[in-house]
Structure formats: structure tokens, C-alpha cells
Amino acid sequence: MKKSDICAEVLKLASPIVQENGCTIYDIEFKKEGGDYYLRVFIDMADENAKVSLNECEAVSRALSDALDAADPI
């Protein structure tokens, strides 16, 4: 599977999770660093005047991790 296909699949999985937590997806990155591949989902708050807190990061990360484990897009 191509990197762009993986990012598109992750976008589908992540969008509802991120929205449930009052955030938006800023970017998705899947790239090789050293010998390993890393998937990063960057989020921002839906409200432009608010900042993403550790609580939102944690909630999105945990829920997205479970969804990624179940779907296994990589």
C-alpha cells in the first residue's frame, strides 16, 4: 500500500474521533525515519481561539490507537 493510501485511510478513521474531541486534523504524516516508519496525526482545536491541551491529545491518541489496531491500515 502506498503512503498516500495509508494517510487517506487514517484520515477516514481519525476524522470522527478527532471531531468527537472538539478538534480538527491539521496534517497526517507517515514517513520513514532511520529504520522505522512513524505515523503522526497533527490536531488543532476547532475553535481558533482555543489551544489543544494534553487532555485532547491523550483522548485522541488512545481512541485512534484502538481504531488503528482494529483496522490495521499499515
N, C-alpha and C. Protein backbone atom coordinates (compact mmCIF):
# COMPACT_ATOMS: atom_id res chain seq x y z
N MET A 1 0.84 -1.17 0.00
CA MET A 1 0.00 0.00 0.00
C MET A 1 0.89 1.24 0.00
N LYS A 2 0.54 2.24 -0.80
CA LYS A 2 1.31 3.47 -0.90
C LYS A 2 1.08 4.36 0.33
N LYS A 3 2.05 5.21 0.61
CA LYS A 3 1.94 6.12 1.75
C LYS A 3 0.69 6.99 1.66
N SER A 4 0.38 7.46 0.45
CA SER A 4 -0.80 8.32 0.29
C SER A 4 -2.09 7.55 0.59
N ASP A 5 -2.12 6.26 0.24
CA ASP A 5 -3.30 5.43 0.55
C ASP A 5 -3.42 5.21 2.05
N ILE A 6 -2.31 5.02 2.72
CA ILE A 6 -2.32 4.83 4.18
C ILE A 6 -2.81 6.10 4.85
N CYS A 7 -2.31 7.25 4.41
CA CYS A 7 -2.74 8.52 5.00
C CYS A 7 -4.23 8.76 4.76
N ALA A 8 -4.73 8.39 3.59
CA ALA A 8 -6.16 8.55 3.28
C ALA A 8 -7.00 7.65 4.19
N GLU A 9 -6.55 6.43 4.41
CA GLU A 9 -7.28 5.50 5.29
C GLU A 9 -7.25 6.00 6.73
N VAL A 10 -6.11 6.51 7.17
CA VAL A 10 -6.00 7.04 8.53
C VAL A 10 -6.91 8.26 8.68
N LEU A 11 -6.99 9.08 7.65
CA LEU A 11 -7.88 10.24 7.69
C LEU A 11 -9.33 9.82 7.92
N LYS A 12 -9.76 8.76 7.22
CA LYS A 12 -11.13 8.25 7.39
C LYS A 12 -11.36 7.76 8.82
N LEU A 13 -10.38 7.06 9.37
CA LEU A 13 -10.50 6.54 10.73
C LEU A 13 -10.43 7.65 11.78
N ALA A 14 -9.56 8.61 11.56
CA ALA A 14 -9.29 9.63 12.57
C ALA A 14 -10.32 10.74 12.60
N SER A 15 -10.91 11.07 11.48
CA SER A 15 -11.81 12.23 11.41
C SER A 15 -12.92 12.21 12.47
N PRO A 16 -13.70 11.12 12.57
CA PRO A 16 -14.76 11.15 13.59
C PRO A 16 -14.22 11.20 15.03
N ILE A 17 -13.11 10.56 15.27
CA ILE A 17 -12.50 10.55 16.61
C ILE A 17 -12.05 11.96 16.98
N VAL A 18 -11.39 12.60 16.05
CA VAL A 18 -10.87 13.94 16.30
C VAL A 18 -12.03 14.92 16.49
N GLN A 19 -13.08 14.81 15.68
CA GLN A 19 -14.24 15.70 15.79
C GLN A 19 -14.97 15.50 17.11
N GLU A 20 -15.07 14.26 17.58
CA GLU A 20 -15.73 13.98 18.86
C GLU A 20 -15.03 14.69 20.02
N ASN A 21 -13.75 14.96 19.85
CA ASN A 21 -12.97 15.61 20.89
C ASN A 21 -12.82 17.11 20.66
N GLY A 22 -13.64 17.67 19.77
CA GLY A 22 -13.65 19.11 19.54
C GLY A 22 -12.45 19.63 18.78
N CYS A 23 -11.82 18.75 18.02
CA CYS A 23 -10.61 19.13 17.30
C CYS A 23 -10.78 18.94 15.79
N THR A 24 -9.77 19.37 15.04
CA THR A 24 -9.71 19.15 13.61
C THR A 24 -8.34 18.55 13.28
N ILE A 25 -8.26 17.90 12.14
CA ILE A 25 -6.98 17.35 11.70
C ILE A 25 -6.23 18.41 10.93
N TYR A 26 -5.02 18.68 11.37
CA TYR A 26 -4.16 19.67 10.73
C TYR A 26 -3.32 19.01 9.63
N ASP A 27 -2.81 17.81 9.91
CA ASP A 27 -1.96 17.11 8.95
C ASP A 27 -1.81 15.65 9.39
N ILE A 28 -1.51 14.79 8.43
CA ILE A 28 -1.19 13.38 8.70
C ILE A 28 0.12 13.10 7.99
N GLU A 29 1.02 12.46 8.70
CA GLU A 29 2.35 12.19 8.16
C GLU A 29 2.70 10.73 8.41
N PHE A 30 3.15 10.05 7.38
CA PHE A 30 3.64 8.68 7.52
C PHE A 30 4.97 8.63 6.79
N LYS A 31 6.05 8.60 7.56
CA LYS A 31 7.35 8.63 6.91
C LYS A 31 8.38 7.81 7.66
N LYS A 32 9.41 7.48 6.93
CA LYS A 32 10.49 6.68 7.48
C LYS A 32 11.55 7.60 8.09
N GLU A 33 11.92 7.27 9.31
CA GLU A 33 12.99 7.99 9.99
C GLU A 33 13.94 6.94 10.54
N GLY A 34 15.15 6.98 10.07
CA GLY A 34 16.09 5.92 10.42
C GLY A 34 15.62 4.64 9.79
N GLY A 35 15.46 3.60 10.56
CA GLY A 35 15.00 2.32 10.04
C GLY A 35 13.52 2.05 10.27
N ASP A 36 12.81 3.00 10.89
CA ASP A 36 11.42 2.78 11.26
C ASP A 36 10.49 3.79 10.59
N TYR A 37 9.23 3.36 10.41
CA TYR A 37 8.19 4.26 9.91
C TYR A 37 7.41 4.82 11.09
N TYR A 38 7.02 6.09 10.97
CA TYR A 38 6.25 6.76 12.01
C TYR A 38 4.99 7.36 11.42
N LEU A 39 3.88 7.16 12.09
CA LEU A 39 2.61 7.76 11.71
C LEU A 39 2.30 8.85 12.72
N ARG A 40 2.08 10.06 12.22
CA ARG A 40 1.76 11.19 13.09
C ARG A 40 0.48 11.84 12.58
N VAL A 41 -0.42 12.09 13.51
CA VAL A 41 -1.65 12.81 13.21
C VAL A 41 -1.60 14.10 14.02
N PHE A 42 -1.55 15.22 13.32
CA PHE A 42 -1.48 16.53 13.96
C PHE A 42 -2.88 17.09 14.08
N ILE A 43 -3.22 17.55 15.28
CA ILE A 43 -4.56 18.09 15.51
C ILE A 43 -4.50 19.54 15.96
N ASP A 44 -5.61 20.22 15.75
CA ASP A 44 -5.77 21.59 16.22
C ASP A 44 -7.18 21.69 16.77
N MET A 45 -7.47 22.71 17.51
CA MET A 45 -8.81 22.90 18.05
C MET A 45 -9.74 23.44 16.97
N ALA A 46 -10.99 23.01 17.01
CA ALA A 46 -11.98 23.51 16.06
C ALA A 46 -12.22 25.00 16.29
N ASP A 47 -12.18 25.43 17.55
CA ASP A 47 -12.29 26.84 17.91
C ASP A 47 -10.91 27.47 17.73
N GLU A 48 -10.80 28.41 16.81
CA GLU A 48 -9.50 29.01 16.50
C GLU A 48 -8.86 29.72 17.69
N ASN A 49 -9.66 30.11 18.67
CA ASN A 49 -9.13 30.84 19.82
C ASN A 49 -8.66 29.92 20.95
N ALA A 50 -8.91 28.63 20.81
CA ALA A 50 -8.53 27.68 21.85
C ALA A 50 -7.24 26.95 21.46
N LYS A 51 -6.58 26.40 22.44
CA LYS A 51 -5.35 25.63 22.20
C LYS A 51 -5.59 24.18 22.58
N VAL A 52 -4.94 23.29 21.87
CA VAL A 52 -5.04 21.86 22.17
C VAL A 52 -4.33 21.60 23.49
N SER A 53 -5.01 20.93 24.39
CA SER A 53 -4.40 20.60 25.68
C SER A 53 -3.92 19.15 25.65
N LEU A 54 -3.21 18.80 26.67
CA LEU A 54 -2.74 17.42 26.82
C LEU A 54 -3.92 16.46 26.90
N ASN A 55 -5.02 16.90 27.49
CA ASN A 55 -6.22 16.05 27.60
C ASN A 55 -6.77 15.67 26.23
N GLU A 56 -6.86 16.63 25.31
CA GLU A 56 -7.33 16.32 23.96
C GLU A 56 -6.36 15.40 23.24
N CYS A 57 -5.08 15.68 23.37
CA CYS A 57 -4.07 14.82 22.74
C CYS A 57 -4.18 13.38 23.23
N GLU A 58 -4.33 13.23 24.54
CA GLU A 58 -4.44 11.90 25.14
C GLU A 58 -5.70 11.18 24.67
N ALA A 59 -6.83 11.87 24.68
CA ALA A 59 -8.10 11.26 24.28
C ALA A 59 -8.07 10.82 22.82
N VAL A 60 -7.56 11.69 21.96
CA VAL A 60 -7.48 11.35 20.53
C VAL A 60 -6.50 10.20 20.32
N SER A 61 -5.36 10.27 20.96
CA SER A 61 -4.34 9.24 20.80
C SER A 61 -4.84 7.86 21.21
N ARG A 62 -5.49 7.78 22.36
CA ARG A 62 -5.98 6.48 22.84
C ARG A 62 -7.05 5.90 21.93
N ALA A 63 -8.03 6.75 21.56
CA ALA A 63 -9.12 6.27 20.69
C ALA A 63 -8.60 5.92 19.30
N LEU A 64 -7.70 6.73 18.78
CA LEU A 64 -7.16 6.46 17.45
C LEU A 64 -6.29 5.22 17.46
N SER A 65 -5.55 4.99 18.52
CA SER A 65 -4.73 3.79 18.63
C SER A 65 -5.59 2.54 18.55
N ASP A 66 -6.71 2.54 19.27
CA ASP A 66 -7.62 1.39 19.24
C ASP A 66 -8.20 1.19 17.83
N ALA A 67 -8.59 2.28 17.18
CA ALA A 67 -9.17 2.19 15.83
C ALA A 67 -8.12 1.70 14.83
N LEU A 68 -6.89 2.16 14.97
CA LEU A 68 -5.82 1.72 14.07
C LEU A 68 -5.49 0.24 14.28
N ASP A 69 -5.49 -0.18 15.54
CA ASP A 69 -5.25 -1.60 15.83
C ASP A 69 -6.32 -2.48 15.20
N ALA A 70 -7.57 -2.04 15.27
CA ALA A 70 -8.67 -2.82 14.72
C ALA A 70 -8.65 -2.85 13.20
N ALA A 71 -8.39 -1.70 12.57
CA ALA A 71 -8.43 -1.61 11.10
C ALA A 71 -7.13 -2.08 10.46
N ASP A 72 -6.00 -1.90 11.13
CA ASP A 72 -4.68 -2.29 10.64
C ASP A 72 -4.40 -1.80 9.22
N PRO A 73 -4.41 -0.45 8.99
CA PRO A 73 -4.20 0.08 7.65
C PRO A 73 -2.75 0.08 7.19
N ILE A 74 -1.83 -0.23 8.09
CA ILE A 74 -0.41 -0.16 7.70
C ILE A 74 0.10 -1.54 7.38
